[in-house]
C-alpha atoms as a PDB file:
ATOM      1  CA  MET A   1     -15.544 -22.933  -0.971  1.00  0.00           C
ATOM      2  CA  LYS A   2     -19.003 -22.733   0.551  1.00  0.00           C
ATOM      3  CA  VAL A   3     -21.252 -20.059  -0.957  1.00  0.00           C
ATOM      4  CA  LYS A   4     -24.794 -18.974  -0.152  1.00  0.00           C
ATOM      5  CA  GLY A   5     -26.991 -16.008  -1.002  1.00  0.00           C
ATOM      6  CA  ARG A   6     -25.607 -15.440  -4.504  1.00  0.00           C
ATOM      7  CA  LYS A   7     -27.300 -12.630  -6.503  1.00  0.00           C
ATOM      8  CA  THR A   8     -26.443 -10.291  -9.369  1.00  0.00           C
ATOM      9  CA  VAL A   9     -26.623  -6.670  -8.174  1.00  0.00           C
ATOM     10  CA  PHE A  10     -25.523  -4.989 -11.434  1.00  0.00           C
ATOM     11  CA  ASN A  11     -25.650  -5.916 -15.126  1.00  0.00           C
ATOM     12  CA  GLY A  12     -23.421  -3.734 -17.284  1.00  0.00           C
ATOM     13  CA  MET A  13     -22.198  -3.445 -20.860  1.00  0.00           C
ATOM     14  CA  VAL A  14     -18.879  -5.140 -20.066  1.00  0.00           C
ATOM     15  CA  ILE A  15     -19.141  -6.430 -16.505  1.00  0.00           C
ATOM     16  CA  ASP A  16     -21.678  -7.722 -14.014  1.00  0.00           C
ATOM     17  CA  ILE A  17     -21.387  -7.515 -10.248  1.00  0.00           C
ATOM     18  CA  GLU A  18     -22.403 -10.463  -8.121  1.00  0.00           C
ATOM     19  CA  GLN A  19     -22.839 -10.382  -4.353  1.00  0.00           C
ATOM     20  CA  LEU A  20     -22.360 -13.589  -2.429  1.00  0.00           C
ATOM     21  CA  GLU A  21     -21.899 -14.920   1.057  1.00  0.00           C
ATOM     22  CA  VAL A  22     -18.719 -16.973   1.393  1.00  0.00           C
ATOM     23  CA  GLU A  23     -17.692 -19.094   4.368  1.00  0.00           C
ATOM     24  CA  ILE A  24     -14.222 -18.064   5.553  1.00  0.00           C
ATOM     25  CA  GLY A  25     -12.886 -20.981   7.597  1.00  0.00           C
ATOM     26  CA  SER A  26     -14.211 -20.911  11.159  1.00  0.00           C
ATOM     27  CA  LYS A  27     -15.012 -17.190  10.880  1.00  0.00           C
ATOM     28  CA  GLY A  28     -18.441 -17.815   9.350  1.00  0.00           C
ATOM     29  CA  PHE A  29     -20.023 -16.320   6.245  1.00  0.00           C
ATOM     30  CA  HIS A  30     -18.975 -12.904   4.934  1.00  0.00           C
ATOM     31  CA  THR A  31     -20.310 -10.745   2.093  1.00  0.00           C
ATOM     32  CA  PHE A  32     -18.212 -10.320  -1.046  1.00  0.00           C
ATOM     33  CA  GLN A  33     -18.910  -8.499  -4.277  1.00  0.00           C
ATOM     34  CA  VAL A  34     -17.263  -9.962  -7.381  1.00  0.00           C
ATOM     35  CA  VAL A  35     -16.915  -8.230 -10.723  1.00  0.00           C
ATOM     36  CA  ARG A  36     -17.713 -10.793 -13.420  1.00  0.00           C
ATOM     37  CA  HIS A  37     -15.886 -10.313 -16.725  1.00  0.00           C
ATOM     38  CA  PRO A  38     -15.745 -12.634 -19.770  1.00  0.00           C
ATOM     39  CA  GLY A  39     -11.942 -12.518 -19.840  1.00  0.00           C
ATOM     40  CA  GLY A  40      -9.579 -11.365 -22.510  1.00  0.00           C
ATOM     41  CA  ALA A  41      -6.393 -11.874 -24.422  1.00  0.00           C
ATOM     42  CA  ALA A  42      -3.317  -9.698 -24.882  1.00  0.00           C
ATOM     43  CA  ILE A  43      -0.388 -10.021 -27.253  1.00  0.00           C
ATOM     44  CA  LEU A  44       3.187  -8.727 -27.263  1.00  0.00           C
ATOM     45  CA  PRO A  45       4.270  -8.032 -30.871  1.00  0.00           C
ATOM     46  CA  VAL A  46       7.965  -8.993 -31.116  1.00  0.00           C
ATOM     47  CA  HIS A  47       9.754  -8.018 -34.329  1.00  0.00           C
ATOM     48  CA  GLY A  48      12.823  -9.838 -35.643  1.00  0.00           C
ATOM     49  CA  ASP A  49      15.004  -6.722 -35.268  1.00  0.00           C
ATOM     50  CA  GLY A  50      14.726  -6.595 -31.462  1.00  0.00           C
ATOM     51  CA  THR A  51      11.840  -4.137 -31.338  1.00  0.00           C
ATOM     52  CA  VAL A  52       8.307  -4.504 -30.027  1.00  0.00           C
ATOM     53  CA  SER A  53       5.137  -2.639 -30.912  1.00  0.00           C
ATOM     54  CA  LEU A  54       3.096  -1.158 -28.091  1.00  0.00           C
ATOM     55  CA  ILE A  55      -0.024   0.957 -28.226  1.00  0.00           C
ATOM     56  CA  ARG A  56      -0.851   4.170 -26.427  1.00  0.00           C
ATOM     57  CA  GLN A  57      -4.518   4.735 -25.697  1.00  0.00           C
ATOM     58  CA  LEU A  58      -6.682   6.690 -23.319  1.00  0.00           C
ATOM     59  CA  ARG A  59      -7.875   4.721 -20.312  1.00  0.00           C
ATOM     60  CA  PRO A  60     -10.709   6.778 -18.758  1.00  0.00           C
ATOM     61  CA  ALA A  61     -10.693   4.656 -15.571  1.00  0.00           C
ATOM     62  CA  VAL A  62      -7.251   6.080 -14.689  1.00  0.00           C
ATOM     63  CA  ALA A  63      -7.629   9.373 -16.615  1.00  0.00           C
ATOM     64  CA  ALA A  64      -4.443   8.789 -18.590  1.00  0.00           C
ATOM     65  CA  ALA A  65      -3.118   7.447 -21.875  1.00  0.00           C
ATOM     66  CA  LEU A  66      -1.200   4.264 -21.092  1.00  0.00           C
ATOM     67  CA  LEU A  67       1.461   2.406 -23.032  1.00  0.00           C
ATOM     68  CA  GLU A  68       0.463  -1.251 -23.279  1.00  0.00           C
ATOM     69  CA  ILE A  69       0.250  -4.317 -25.466  1.00  0.00           C
ATOM     70  CA  PRO A  70      -2.769  -4.857 -27.733  1.00  0.00           C
ATOM     71  CA  ALA A  71      -5.593  -6.582 -25.885  1.00  0.00           C
ATOM     72  CA  GLY A  72      -9.301  -7.091 -25.828  1.00  0.00           C
ATOM     73  CA  ARG A  73     -12.288  -8.883 -24.430  1.00  0.00           C
ATOM     74  CA  LEU A  74     -13.115 -12.424 -25.503  1.00  0.00           C
ATOM     75  CA  SER A  75     -16.169 -12.707 -27.719  1.00  0.00           C
ATOM     76  CA  PRO A  76     -18.584 -15.565 -27.016  1.00  0.00           C
ATOM     77  CA  SER A  77     -17.190 -18.872 -28.348  1.00  0.00           C
ATOM     78  CA  GLU A  78     -13.895 -17.200 -29.370  1.00  0.00           C
ATOM     79  CA  SER A  79     -10.669 -18.875 -28.260  1.00  0.00           C
ATOM     80  CA  PRO A  80      -8.089 -16.743 -26.452  1.00  0.00           C
ATOM     81  CA  ALA A  81      -5.612 -17.241 -29.332  1.00  0.00           C
ATOM     82  CA  GLU A  82      -8.206 -16.050 -31.871  1.00  0.00           C
ATOM     83  CA  CYS A  83      -8.944 -13.032 -29.685  1.00  0.00           C
ATOM     84  CA  ALA A  84      -5.239 -12.159 -29.426  1.00  0.00           C
ATOM     85  CA  ARG A  85      -4.783 -12.359 -33.203  1.00  0.00           C
ATOM     86  CA  ARG A  86      -7.937 -10.285 -33.779  1.00  0.00           C
ATOM     87  CA  GLU A  87      -6.892  -7.567 -31.350  1.00  0.00           C
ATOM     88  CA  LEU A  88      -3.364  -7.437 -32.781  1.00  0.00           C
ATOM     89  CA  LEU A  89      -4.749  -6.811 -36.265  1.00  0.00           C
ATOM     90  CA  GLU A  90      -7.495  -4.385 -35.161  1.00  0.00           C
ATOM     91  CA  GLU A  91      -5.255  -2.255 -32.946  1.00  0.00           C
ATOM     92  CA  THR A  92      -1.933  -2.319 -34.818  1.00  0.00           C
ATOM     93  CA  GLY A  93      -2.563  -3.629 -38.328  1.00  0.00           C
ATOM     94  CA  LEU A  94      -0.044  -6.415 -37.639  1.00  0.00           C
ATOM     95  CA  ARG A  95      -0.767 -10.021 -38.564  1.00  0.00           C
ATOM     96  CA  ALA A  96       1.169 -12.698 -36.667  1.00  0.00           C
ATOM     97  CA  GLY A  97       2.669 -15.617 -38.549  1.00  0.00           C
ATOM     98  CA  LYS A  98       3.213 -17.364 -35.214  1.00  0.00           C
ATOM     99  CA  ILE A  99       1.977 -16.811 -31.684  1.00  0.00           C
ATOM    100  CA  VAL A 100       3.603 -18.136 -28.528  1.00  0.00           C
ATOM    101  CA  PRO A 101       1.513 -18.668 -25.372  1.00  0.00           C
ATOM    102  CA  LEU A 102       2.822 -16.785 -22.330  1.00  0.00           C
ATOM    103  CA  GLY A 103       0.284 -18.128 -19.831  1.00  0.00           C
ATOM    104  CA  SER A 104      -2.577 -16.357 -18.122  1.00  0.00           C
ATOM    105  CA  ILE A 105      -2.984 -13.827 -15.332  1.00  0.00           C
ATOM    106  CA  HIS A 106      -5.748 -12.806 -12.942  1.00  0.00           C
ATOM    107  CA  SER A 107      -5.963  -9.033 -13.340  1.00  0.00           C
ATOM    108  CA  SER A 108      -7.170  -8.252  -9.805  1.00  0.00           C
ATOM    109  CA  PRO A 109      -8.378 -11.423  -8.016  1.00  0.00           C
ATOM    110  CA  GLY A 110      -9.508  -9.551  -4.925  1.00  0.00           C
ATOM    111  CA  VAL A 111     -12.545  -8.280  -6.839  1.00  0.00           C
ATOM    112  CA  PHE A 112     -12.440  -9.513 -10.476  1.00  0.00           C
ATOM    113  CA  ASP A 113     -12.822 -13.005 -11.911  1.00  0.00           C
ATOM    114  CA  GLU A 114     -11.210 -11.792 -15.166  1.00  0.00           C
ATOM    115  CA  VAL A 115      -8.501 -13.982 -16.693  1.00  0.00           C
ATOM    116  CA  ILE A 116      -6.239 -12.487 -19.359  1.00  0.00           C
ATOM    117  CA  HIS A 117      -4.467 -14.915 -21.692  1.00  0.00           C
ATOM    118  CA  LEU A 118      -1.038 -13.670 -22.797  1.00  0.00           C
ATOM    119  CA  TYR A 119       0.775 -14.308 -26.079  1.00  0.00           C
ATOM    120  CA  ALA A 120       3.780 -13.114 -28.039  1.00  0.00           C
ATOM    121  CA  ALA A 121       3.391 -12.474 -31.774  1.00  0.00           C
ATOM    122  CA  LEU A 122       6.252 -13.398 -34.115  1.00  0.00           C
ATOM    123  CA  ASP A 123       6.868 -13.420 -37.883  1.00  0.00           C
ATOM    124  CA  MET A 124       4.544 -10.482 -38.452  1.00  0.00           C
ATOM    125  CA  CYS A 125       3.469  -8.700 -41.587  1.00  0.00           C
ATOM    126  CA  GLU A 126       1.888  -5.268 -41.702  1.00  0.00           C
ATOM    127  CA  GLY A 127      -1.659  -4.535 -42.713  1.00  0.00           C
ATOM    128  CA  LEU A 128      -4.275  -1.915 -41.914  1.00  0.00           C
ATOM    129  CA  ALA A 129      -5.364  -1.244 -38.326  1.00  0.00           C
ATOM    130  CA  GLU A 130      -9.109  -1.010 -37.724  1.00  0.00           C
ATOM    131  CA  PRO A 131      -9.630   0.205 -34.145  1.00  0.00           C
ATOM    132  CA  GLU A 132     -13.131   0.187 -32.708  1.00  0.00           C
ATOM    133  CA  ALA A 133     -15.160   3.415 -32.618  1.00  0.00           C
ATOM    134  CA  ASP A 134     -14.270   4.103 -28.966  1.00  0.00           C
ATOM    135  CA  GLU A 135     -10.515   3.590 -29.496  1.00  0.00           C
ATOM    136  CA  ASP A 136      -7.979   6.252 -30.451  1.00  0.00           C
ATOM    137  CA  ILE A 137      -4.769   4.242 -30.666  1.00  0.00           C
ATOM    138  CA  GLN A 138      -1.207   5.241 -31.448  1.00  0.00           C
ATOM    139  CA  VAL A 139       1.179   2.383 -32.343  1.00  0.00           C
ATOM    140  CA  ILE A 140       4.719   2.868 -31.053  1.00  0.00           C
ATOM    141  CA  ARG A 141       7.654   0.639 -32.033  1.00  0.00           C
ATOM    142  CA  LEU A 142      10.523   0.597 -29.539  1.00  0.00           C
ATOM    143  CA  ASN A 143      13.628  -1.428 -28.771  1.00  0.00           C
ATOM    144  CA  LEU A 144      12.798  -4.196 -26.326  1.00  0.00           C
ATOM    145  CA  SER A 145      15.612  -3.015 -24.038  1.00  0.00           C
ATOM    146  CA  ASP A 146      14.019   0.464 -23.879  1.00  0.00           C
ATOM    147  CA  VAL A 147      10.600  -1.034 -23.141  1.00  0.00           C
ATOM    148  CA  LEU A 148      12.076  -3.135 -20.323  1.00  0.00           C
ATOM    149  CA  ALA A 149      13.682   0.016 -18.868  1.00  0.00           C
ATOM    150  CA  MET A 150      10.293   1.757 -19.058  1.00  0.00           C
ATOM    151  CA  ALA A 151       8.706  -1.198 -17.273  1.00  0.00           C
ATOM    152  CA  ALA A 152      11.389  -1.081 -14.575  1.00  0.00           C
ATOM    153  CA  ASP A 153      11.082   2.650 -13.896  1.00  0.00           C
ATOM    154  CA  GLY A 154       7.274   2.802 -13.918  1.00  0.00           C
ATOM    155  CA  ARG A 155       6.619   4.496 -17.255  1.00  0.00           C
ATOM    156  CA  ILE A 156       4.779   1.310 -18.175  1.00  0.00           C
ATOM    157  CA  SER A 157       2.287   0.501 -15.411  1.00  0.00           C
ATOM    158  CA  ASP A 158      -0.240  -1.743 -17.166  1.00  0.00           C
ATOM    159  CA  SER A 159      -0.210  -5.137 -15.430  1.00  0.00           C
ATOM    160  CA  LYS A 160      -0.853  -7.334 -18.487  1.00  0.00           C
ATOM    161  CA  THR A 161       1.988  -5.605 -20.330  1.00  0.00           C
ATOM    162  CA  LEU A 162       4.361  -6.021 -17.394  1.00  0.00           C
ATOM    163  CA  ALA A 163       3.449  -9.706 -17.060  1.00  0.00           C
ATOM    164  CA  ALA A 164       3.865 -10.374 -20.792  1.00  0.00           C
ATOM    165  CA  LEU A 165       7.267  -8.638 -20.848  1.00  0.00           C
ATOM    166  CA  LEU A 166       8.454 -10.609 -17.821  1.00  0.00           C
ATOM    167  CA  ARG A 167       7.270 -13.920 -19.219  1.00  0.00           C
ATOM    168  CA  TRP A 168       8.757 -13.193 -22.650  1.00  0.00           C
ATOM    169  CA  GLN A 169      12.127 -12.397 -21.043  1.00  0.00           C
ATOM    170  CA  LEU A 170      11.989 -15.529 -18.901  1.00  0.00           C
ATOM    171  CA  LEU A 171      11.083 -17.650 -21.931  1.00  0.00           C
ATOM    172  CA  GLN A 172      14.008 -16.227 -23.883  1.00  0.00           C
ATOM    173  CA  GLY A 173      16.341 -16.979 -20.991  1.00  0.00           C
ATOM    174  CA  SER A 174      15.100 -20.559 -20.631  1.00  0.00           C
ATOM    175  CA  GLU A 175      15.495 -21.235 -24.367  1.00  0.00           C
ATOM    176  CA  GLY A 176      19.120 -20.224 -24.111  1.00  0.00           C
ATOM    177  CA  CYS A 177      19.871 -22.792 -21.363  1.00  0.00           C
ATOM    178  CA  ASN A 178      21.132 -26.304 -21.994  1.00  0.00           C
ATOM    179  CA  ALA A 179      18.931 -28.268 -19.630  1.00  0.00           C
END
């Protein structure tokens, strides 16, 4: 990819916006604006009884409280796995005995460079949630089958949650096969 004329046009609390000129094949250079984000991690808490814990929190960007998996922004020098464990504890009070990687996703690659690392949490014990000052979180424990139905009918619309649920289901299916 050939780039020229790169400059930061906005520095924010969470994101920066960079404007750059990118060569698009034989069509010449075109202006793009890219939202720069440090990335994050998200974790699907899976209990041994076939339930999962989700959180409901207000998302001002969409003016609604969404049902989603715990997630947060990577701190400098923090690994994605450490971030996932930290967010799980902060937002739900759950501590994972084991985490299983579920891959990564690009949240909206048309404009964001954000990568979200996905995990499943297993063998959990309960502790005390400590949400951040700007978070009002309700933890909801549901049967996985009900959560999958909610994902299918649109009651769950958060992309990282949908991706984690899909990957968890695919992983469970592949572990049951004799390859």
